[in-house]
Amino acid sequence: MTCRQLGGPCDLELSGATADEVIKAQDRHLREAVAAGDSAHEAAHEEMKARWRRPLRAMGWYRDTKKAFAEQPSR
């Protein structure tokens, strides 16, 4: 899946064996991009941090992401 598919601003491909691994890769990518001064990723980074602070609200995003991951073609 790409950063954009997960709510970010770019098309960097993130990979993992499970949806959880891809989500963790996205979190890491957003943190690293913002730390490197990439302002385009700031909004997505803040959104990611807010998800972890409000887990009940984030469950909808999480379910949607897991579904989208399952629908990705195998590589």
PDB file of N, CA and C in Angstrom:
ATOM      1  N   MET A   1       0.846  -1.175   0.000  1.00  0.00           N
ATOM      2  CA  MET A   1       0.000   0.000   0.000  1.00  0.00           C
ATOM      3  C   MET A   1       0.895   1.243   0.000  1.00  0.00           C
ATOM      4  N   THR A   2       0.339   2.350  -0.417  1.00  0.00           N
ATOM      5  CA  THR A   2       1.121   3.585  -0.459  1.00  0.00           C
ATOM      6  C   THR A   2       0.784   4.482   0.723  1.00  0.00           C
ATOM      7  N   CYS A   3       1.667   5.430   0.948  1.00  0.00           N
ATOM      8  CA  CYS A   3       1.436   6.441   1.969  1.00  0.00           C
ATOM      9  C   CYS A   3       0.082   7.119   1.717  1.00  0.00           C
ATOM     10  N   ARG A   4      -0.185   7.446   0.462  1.00  0.00           N
ATOM     11  CA  ARG A   4      -1.437   8.129   0.108  1.00  0.00           C
ATOM     12  C   ARG A   4      -2.668   7.270   0.440  1.00  0.00           C
ATOM     13  N   GLN A   5      -2.585   5.972   0.189  1.00  0.00           N
ATOM     14  CA  GLN A   5      -3.711   5.083   0.498  1.00  0.00           C
ATOM     15  C   GLN A   5      -4.024   5.063   1.996  1.00  0.00           C
ATOM     16  N   LEU A   6      -3.020   5.369   2.794  1.00  0.00           N
ATOM     17  CA  LEU A   6      -3.198   5.356   4.246  1.00  0.00           C
ATOM     18  C   LEU A   6      -3.437   6.759   4.808  1.00  0.00           C
ATOM     19  N   GLY A   7      -3.643   7.734   3.935  1.00  0.00           N
ATOM     20  CA  GLY A   7      -3.966   9.085   4.376  1.00  0.00           C
ATOM     21  C   GLY A   7      -2.823  10.072   4.290  1.00  0.00           C
ATOM     22  N   GLY A   8      -1.691   9.654   3.776  1.00  0.00           N
ATOM     23  CA  GLY A   8      -0.538  10.539   3.645  1.00  0.00           C
ATOM     24  C   GLY A   8      -0.516  11.246   2.303  1.00  0.00           C
ATOM     25  N   PRO A   9       0.512  12.084   2.084  1.00  0.00           N
ATOM     26  CA  PRO A   9       0.547  12.900   0.871  1.00  0.00           C
ATOM     27  C   PRO A   9       1.394  12.358  -0.275  1.00  0.00           C
ATOM     28  N   CYS A  10       2.034  11.200  -0.116  1.00  0.00           N
ATOM     29  CA  CYS A  10       2.932  10.762  -1.188  1.00  0.00           C
ATOM     30  C   CYS A  10       2.626   9.322  -1.621  1.00  0.00           C
ATOM     31  N   ASP A  11       3.333   8.889  -2.638  1.00  0.00           N
ATOM     32  CA  ASP A  11       3.092   7.566  -3.207  1.00  0.00           C
ATOM     33  C   ASP A  11       4.171   6.553  -2.841  1.00  0.00           C
ATOM     34  N   LEU A  12       4.891   6.794  -1.738  1.00  0.00           N
ATOM     35  CA  LEU A  12       5.879   5.829  -1.278  1.00  0.00           C
ATOM     36  C   LEU A  12       5.176   4.515  -0.982  1.00  0.00           C
ATOM     37  N   GLU A  13       5.702   3.430  -1.514  1.00  0.00           N
ATOM     38  CA  GLU A  13       5.113   2.118  -1.264  1.00  0.00           C
ATOM     39  C   GLU A  13       5.590   1.587   0.076  1.00  0.00           C
ATOM     40  N   LEU A  14       4.641   1.193   0.889  1.00  0.00           N
ATOM     41  CA  LEU A  14       4.915   0.607   2.195  1.00  0.00           C
ATOM     42  C   LEU A  14       4.548  -0.863   2.107  1.00  0.00           C
ATOM     43  N   SER A  15       5.364  -1.705   2.695  1.00  0.00           N
ATOM     44  CA  SER A  15       5.068  -3.122   2.585  1.00  0.00           C
ATOM     45  C   SER A  15       5.120  -3.792   3.940  1.00  0.00           C
ATOM     46  N   GLY A  16       4.484  -4.937   3.992  1.00  0.00           N
ATOM     47  CA  GLY A  16       4.469  -5.755   5.188  1.00  0.00           C
ATOM     48  C   GLY A  16       3.640  -6.990   4.919  1.00  0.00           C
ATOM     49  N   ALA A  17       3.830  -7.983   5.745  1.00  0.00           N
ATOM     50  CA  ALA A  17       3.091  -9.232   5.586  1.00  0.00           C
ATOM     51  C   ALA A  17       1.662  -9.114   6.085  1.00  0.00           C
ATOM     52  N   THR A  18       1.418  -8.149   6.969  1.00  0.00           N
ATOM     53  CA  THR A  18       0.076  -7.956   7.526  1.00  0.00           C
ATOM     54  C   THR A  18      -0.286  -6.476   7.449  1.00  0.00           C
ATOM     55  N   ALA A  19      -1.569  -6.188   7.628  1.00  0.00           N
ATOM     56  CA  ALA A  19      -2.011  -4.793   7.654  1.00  0.00           C
ATOM     57  C   ALA A  19      -1.335  -4.055   8.801  1.00  0.00           C
ATOM     58  N   ASP A  20      -1.168  -4.712   9.930  1.00  0.00           N
ATOM     59  CA  ASP A  20      -0.524  -4.066  11.080  1.00  0.00           C
ATOM     60  C   ASP A  20       0.910  -3.663  10.758  1.00  0.00           C
ATOM     61  N   GLU A  21       1.632  -4.497  10.023  1.00  0.00           N
ATOM     62  CA  GLU A  21       3.009  -4.162   9.641  1.00  0.00           C
ATOM     63  C   GLU A  21       3.035  -2.950   8.709  1.00  0.00           C
ATOM     64  N   VAL A  22       2.073  -2.868   7.807  1.00  0.00           N
ATOM     65  CA  VAL A  22       2.001  -1.738   6.886  1.00  0.00           C
ATOM     66  C   VAL A  22       1.654  -0.465   7.662  1.00  0.00           C
ATOM     67  N   ILE A  23       0.745  -0.563   8.611  1.00  0.00           N
ATOM     68  CA  ILE A  23       0.377   0.595   9.433  1.00  0.00           C
ATOM     69  C   ILE A  23       1.595   1.075  10.220  1.00  0.00           C
ATOM     70  N   LYS A  24       2.352   0.168  10.797  1.00  0.00           N
ATOM     71  CA  LYS A  24       3.556   0.551  11.534  1.00  0.00           C
ATOM     72  C   LYS A  24       4.585   1.186  10.605  1.00  0.00           C
ATOM     73  N   ALA A  25       4.694   0.671   9.381  1.00  0.00           N
ATOM     74  CA  ALA A  25       5.610   1.262   8.407  1.00  0.00           C
ATOM     75  C   ALA A  25       5.172   2.688   8.062  1.00  0.00           C
ATOM     76  N   GLN A  26       3.874   2.916   7.950  1.00  0.00           N
ATOM     77  CA  GLN A  26       3.350   4.261   7.677  1.00  0.00           C
ATOM     78  C   GLN A  26       3.666   5.189   8.845  1.00  0.00           C
ATOM     79  N   ASP A  27       3.450   4.728  10.047  1.00  0.00           N
ATOM     80  CA  ASP A  27       3.749   5.555  11.223  1.00  0.00           C
ATOM     81  C   ASP A  27       5.225   5.956  11.221  1.00  0.00           C
ATOM     82  N   ARG A  28       6.100   4.997  10.963  1.00  0.00           N
ATOM     83  CA  ARG A  28       7.542   5.248  10.934  1.00  0.00           C
ATOM     84  C   ARG A  28       7.886   6.240   9.813  1.00  0.00           C
ATOM     85  N   HIS A  29       7.300   6.024   8.635  1.00  0.00           N
ATOM     86  CA  HIS A  29       7.537   6.909   7.490  1.00  0.00           C
ATOM     87  C   HIS A  29       7.121   8.342   7.821  1.00  0.00           C
ATOM     88  N   LEU A  30       5.949   8.515   8.416  1.00  0.00           N
ATOM     89  CA  LEU A  30       5.477   9.859   8.747  1.00  0.00           C
ATOM     90  C   LEU A  30       6.394  10.528   9.765  1.00  0.00           C
ATOM     91  N   ARG A  31       6.796   9.799  10.804  1.00  0.00           N
ATOM     92  CA  ARG A  31       7.699  10.368  11.819  1.00  0.00           C
ATOM     93  C   ARG A  31       9.020  10.797  11.180  1.00  0.00           C
ATOM     94  N   GLU A  32       9.577   9.934  10.335  1.00  0.00           N
ATOM     95  CA  GLU A  32      10.861  10.231   9.703  1.00  0.00           C
ATOM     96  C   GLU A  32      10.752  11.411   8.742  1.00  0.00           C
ATOM     97  N   ALA A  33       9.671  11.465   7.979  1.00  0.00           N
ATOM     98  CA  ALA A  33       9.494  12.559   7.017  1.00  0.00           C
ATOM     99  C   ALA A  33       9.381  13.895   7.741  1.00  0.00           C
ATOM    100  N   VAL A  34       8.598  13.937   8.798  1.00  0.00           N
ATOM    101  CA  VAL A  34       8.430  15.184   9.556  1.00  0.00           C
ATOM    102  C   VAL A  34       9.736  15.570  10.238  1.00  0.00           C
ATOM    103  N   ALA A  35      10.441  14.594  10.803  1.00  0.00           N
ATOM    104  CA  ALA A  35      11.720  14.870  11.462  1.00  0.00           C
ATOM    105  C   ALA A  35      12.740  15.429  10.470  1.00  0.00           C
ATOM    106  N   ALA A  36      12.627  15.028   9.207  1.00  0.00           N
ATOM    107  CA  ALA A  36      13.532  15.508   8.168  1.00  0.00           C
ATOM    108  C   ALA A  36      13.092  16.867   7.607  1.00  0.00           C
ATOM    109  N   GLY A  37      11.995  17.415   8.127  1.00  0.00           N
ATOM    110  CA  GLY A  37      11.533  18.729   7.700  1.00  0.00           C
ATOM    111  C   GLY A  37      10.533  18.727   6.565  1.00  0.00           C
ATOM    112  N   ASP A  38       9.954  17.584   6.243  1.00  0.00           N
ATOM    113  CA  ASP A  38       8.977  17.490   5.151  1.00  0.00           C
ATOM    114  C   ASP A  38       7.613  17.960   5.653  1.00  0.00           C
ATOM    115  N   SER A  39       7.293  19.218   5.370  1.00  0.00           N
ATOM    116  CA  SER A  39       6.043  19.797   5.871  1.00  0.00           C
ATOM    117  C   SER A  39       4.808  19.177   5.220  1.00  0.00           C
ATOM    118  N   ALA A  40       4.957  18.568   4.049  1.00  0.00           N
ATOM    119  CA  ALA A  40       3.809  17.943   3.378  1.00  0.00           C
ATOM    120  C   ALA A  40       3.250  16.781   4.196  1.00  0.00           C
ATOM    121  N   HIS A  41       4.066  16.181   5.037  1.00  0.00           N
ATOM    122  CA  HIS A  41       3.633  15.037   5.829  1.00  0.00           C
ATOM    123  C   HIS A  41       3.135  15.415   7.232  1.00  0.00           C
ATOM    124  N   GLU A  42       3.230  16.699   7.589  1.00  0.00           N
ATOM    125  CA  GLU A  42       2.874  17.117   8.946  1.00  0.00           C
ATOM    126  C   GLU A  42       1.418  16.823   9.299  1.00  0.00           C
ATOM    127  N   ALA A  43       0.489  17.140   8.405  1.00  0.00           N
ATOM    128  CA  ALA A  43      -0.930  16.925   8.702  1.00  0.00           C
ATOM    129  C   ALA A  43      -1.227  15.443   8.911  1.00  0.00           C
ATOM    130  N   ALA A  44      -0.678  14.593   8.053  1.00  0.00           N
ATOM    131  CA  ALA A  44      -0.897  13.152   8.202  1.00  0.00           C
ATOM    132  C   ALA A  44      -0.255  12.640   9.483  1.00  0.00           C
ATOM    133  N   HIS A  45       0.888  13.190   9.855  1.00  0.00           N
ATOM    134  CA  HIS A  45       1.560  12.796  11.093  1.00  0.00           C
ATOM    135  C   HIS A  45       0.705  13.165  12.302  1.00  0.00           C
ATOM    136  N   GLU A  46       0.163  14.360  12.299  1.00  0.00           N
ATOM    137  CA  GLU A  46      -0.712  14.785  13.404  1.00  0.00           C
ATOM    138  C   GLU A  46      -1.962  13.911  13.476  1.00  0.00           C
ATOM    139  N   GLU A  47      -2.512  13.581  12.316  1.00  0.00           N
ATOM    140  CA  GLU A  47      -3.677  12.707  12.265  1.00  0.00           C
ATOM    141  C   GLU A  47      -3.340  11.327  12.834  1.00  0.00           C
ATOM    142  N   MET A  48      -2.167  10.816  12.493  1.00  0.00           N
ATOM    143  CA  MET A  48      -1.729   9.518  13.009  1.00  0.00           C
ATOM    144  C   MET A  48      -1.604   9.566  14.529  1.00  0.00           C
ATOM    145  N   LYS A  49      -0.997  10.618  15.048  1.00  0.00           N
ATOM    146  CA  LYS A  49      -0.851  10.736  16.503  1.00  0.00           C
ATOM    147  C   LYS A  49      -2.217  10.814  17.177  1.00  0.00           C
ATOM    148  N   ALA A  50      -3.143  11.509  16.565  1.00  0.00           N
ATOM    149  CA  ALA A  50      -4.493  11.633  17.134  1.00  0.00           C
ATOM    150  C   ALA A  50      -5.206  10.284  17.158  1.00  0.00           C
ATOM    151  N   ARG A  51      -4.964   9.454  16.141  1.00  0.00           N
ATOM    152  CA  ARG A  51      -5.585   8.116  16.128  1.00  0.00           C
ATOM    153  C   ARG A  51      -5.175   7.325  17.355  1.00  0.00           C
ATOM    154  N   TRP A  52      -3.896   7.375  17.694  1.00  0.00           N
ATOM    155  CA  TRP A  52      -3.425   6.586  18.836  1.00  0.00           C
ATOM    156  C   TRP A  52      -3.926   7.160  20.160  1.00  0.00           C
ATOM    157  N   ARG A  53      -4.276   8.447  20.198  1.00  0.00           N
ATOM    158  CA  ARG A  53      -4.813   9.044  21.425  1.00  0.00           C
ATOM    159  C   ARG A  53      -6.304   8.751  21.596  1.00  0.00           C
ATOM    160  N   ARG A  54      -6.992   8.440  20.497  1.00  0.00           N
ATOM    161  CA  ARG A  54      -8.436   8.171  20.535  1.00  0.00           C
ATOM    162  C   ARG A  54      -8.715   6.827  19.887  1.00  0.00           C
ATOM    163  N   PRO A  55      -8.348   5.737  20.562  1.00  0.00           N
ATOM    164  CA  PRO A  55      -8.429   4.411  19.938  1.00  0.00           C
ATOM    165  C   PRO A  55      -9.838   3.989  19.527  1.00  0.00           C
ATOM    166  N   LEU A  56     -10.851   4.353  20.277  1.00  0.00           N
ATOM    167  CA  LEU A  56     -12.205   3.943  19.891  1.00  0.00           C
ATOM    168  C   LEU A  56     -12.623   4.602  18.583  1.00  0.00           C
ATOM    169  N   ARG A  57     -12.320   5.871  18.432  1.00  0.00           N
ATOM    170  CA  ARG A  57     -12.650   6.589  17.202  1.00  0.00           C
ATOM    171  C   ARG A  57     -11.827   6.051  16.029  1.00  0.00           C
ATOM    172  N   ALA A  58     -10.610   5.629  16.315  1.00  0.00           N
ATOM    173  CA  ALA A  58      -9.705   5.157  15.270  1.00  0.00           C
ATOM    174  C   ALA A  58     -10.072   3.776  14.732  1.00  0.00           C
ATOM    175  N   MET A  59     -10.909   3.052  15.425  1.00  0.00           N
ATOM    176  CA  MET A  59     -11.235   1.690  14.985  1.00  0.00           C
ATOM    177  C   MET A  59     -11.846   1.647  13.589  1.00  0.00           C
ATOM    178  N   GLY A  60     -12.621   2.635  13.213  1.00  0.00           N
ATOM    179  CA  GLY A  60     -13.193   2.686  11.861  1.00  0.00           C
ATOM    180  C   GLY A  60     -12.093   2.776  10.813  1.00  0.00           C
ATOM    181  N   TRP A  61     -11.122   3.664  11.039  1.00  0.00           N
ATOM    182  CA  TRP A  61      -9.989   3.791  10.123  1.00  0.00           C
ATOM    183  C   TRP A  61      -9.214   2.480  10.061  1.00  0.00           C
ATOM    184  N   TYR A  62      -9.006   1.870  11.217  1.00  0.00           N
ATOM    185  CA  TYR A  62      -8.253   0.619  11.294  1.00  0.00           C
ATOM    186  C   TYR A  62      -8.959  -0.498  10.519  1.00  0.00           C
ATOM    187  N   ARG A  63     -10.257  -0.637  10.706  1.00  0.00           N
ATOM    188  CA  ARG A  63     -11.019  -1.668   9.970  1.00  0.00           C
ATOM    189  C   ARG A  63     -10.956  -1.421   8.470  1.00  0.00           C
ATOM    190  N   ASP A  64     -11.115  -0.160   8.070  1.00  0.00           N
ATOM    191  CA  ASP A  64     -11.055   0.184   6.643  1.00  0.00           C
ATOM    192  C   ASP A  64      -9.674  -0.125   6.061  1.00  0.00           C
ATOM    193  N   THR A  65      -8.640   0.153   6.823  1.00  0.00           N
ATOM    194  CA  THR A  65      -7.279  -0.101   6.364  1.00  0.00           C
ATOM    195  C   THR A  65      -7.015  -1.599   6.237  1.00  0.00           C
ATOM    196  N   LYS A  66      -7.480  -2.360   7.207  1.00  0.00           N
ATOM    197  CA  LYS A  66      -7.303  -3.818   7.135  1.00  0.00           C
ATOM    198  C   LYS A  66      -8.034  -4.387   5.918  1.00  0.00           C
ATOM    199  N   LYS A  67      -9.218  -3.858   5.638  1.00  0.00           N
ATOM    200  CA  LYS A  67      -9.992  -4.318   4.481  1.00  0.00           C
ATOM    201  C   LYS A  67      -9.263  -3.962   3.183  1.00  0.00           C
ATOM    202  N   ALA A  68      -8.765  -2.732   3.099  1.00  0.00           N
ATOM    203  CA  ALA A  68      -8.038  -2.299   1.902  1.00  0.00           C
ATOM    204  C   ALA A  68      -6.775  -3.141   1.710  1.00  0.00           C
ATOM    205  N   PHE A  69      -6.091  -3.464   2.787  1.00  0.00           N
ATOM    206  CA  PHE A  69      -4.902  -4.308   2.701  1.00  0.00           C
ATOM    207  C   PHE A  69      -5.274  -5.679   2.143  1.00  0.00           C
ATOM    208  N   ALA A  70      -6.366  -6.251   2.642  1.00  0.00           N
ATOM    209  CA  ALA A  70      -6.795  -7.575   2.195  1.00  0.00           C
ATOM    210  C   ALA A  70      -7.173  -7.578   0.722  1.00  0.00           C
ATOM    211  N   GLU A  71      -7.606  -6.434   0.203  1.00  0.00           N
ATOM    212  CA  GLU A  71      -8.013  -6.343  -1.188  1.00  0.00           C
ATOM    213  C   GLU A  71      -6.844  -6.083  -2.144  1.00  0.00           C
ATOM    214  N   GLN A  72      -5.653  -5.825  -1.606  1.00  0.00           N
ATOM    215  CA  GLN A  72      -4.478  -5.578  -2.440  1.00  0.00           C
ATOM    216  C   GLN A  72      -4.074  -6.864  -3.158  1.00  0.00           C
ATOM    217  N   PRO A  73      -3.637  -6.750  -4.409  1.00  0.00           N
ATOM    218  CA  PRO A  73      -3.167  -7.940  -5.112  1.00  0.00           C
ATOM    219  C   PRO A  73      -1.898  -8.475  -4.441  1.00  0.00           C
ATOM    220  N   SER A  74      -1.739  -9.768  -4.437  1.00  0.00           N
ATOM    221  CA  SER A  74      -0.536 -10.371  -3.874  1.00  0.00           C
ATOM    222  C   SER A  74       0.649 -10.066  -4.753  1.00  0.00           C
ATOM    223  N   ARG A  75       1.807  -9.947  -4.124  1.00  0.00           N
ATOM    224  CA  ARG A  75       3.024  -9.658  -4.900  1.00  0.00           C
ATOM    225  C   ARG A  75       3.993 -10.748  -4.732  1.00  0.00           C
TER     226      ARG A  75
END
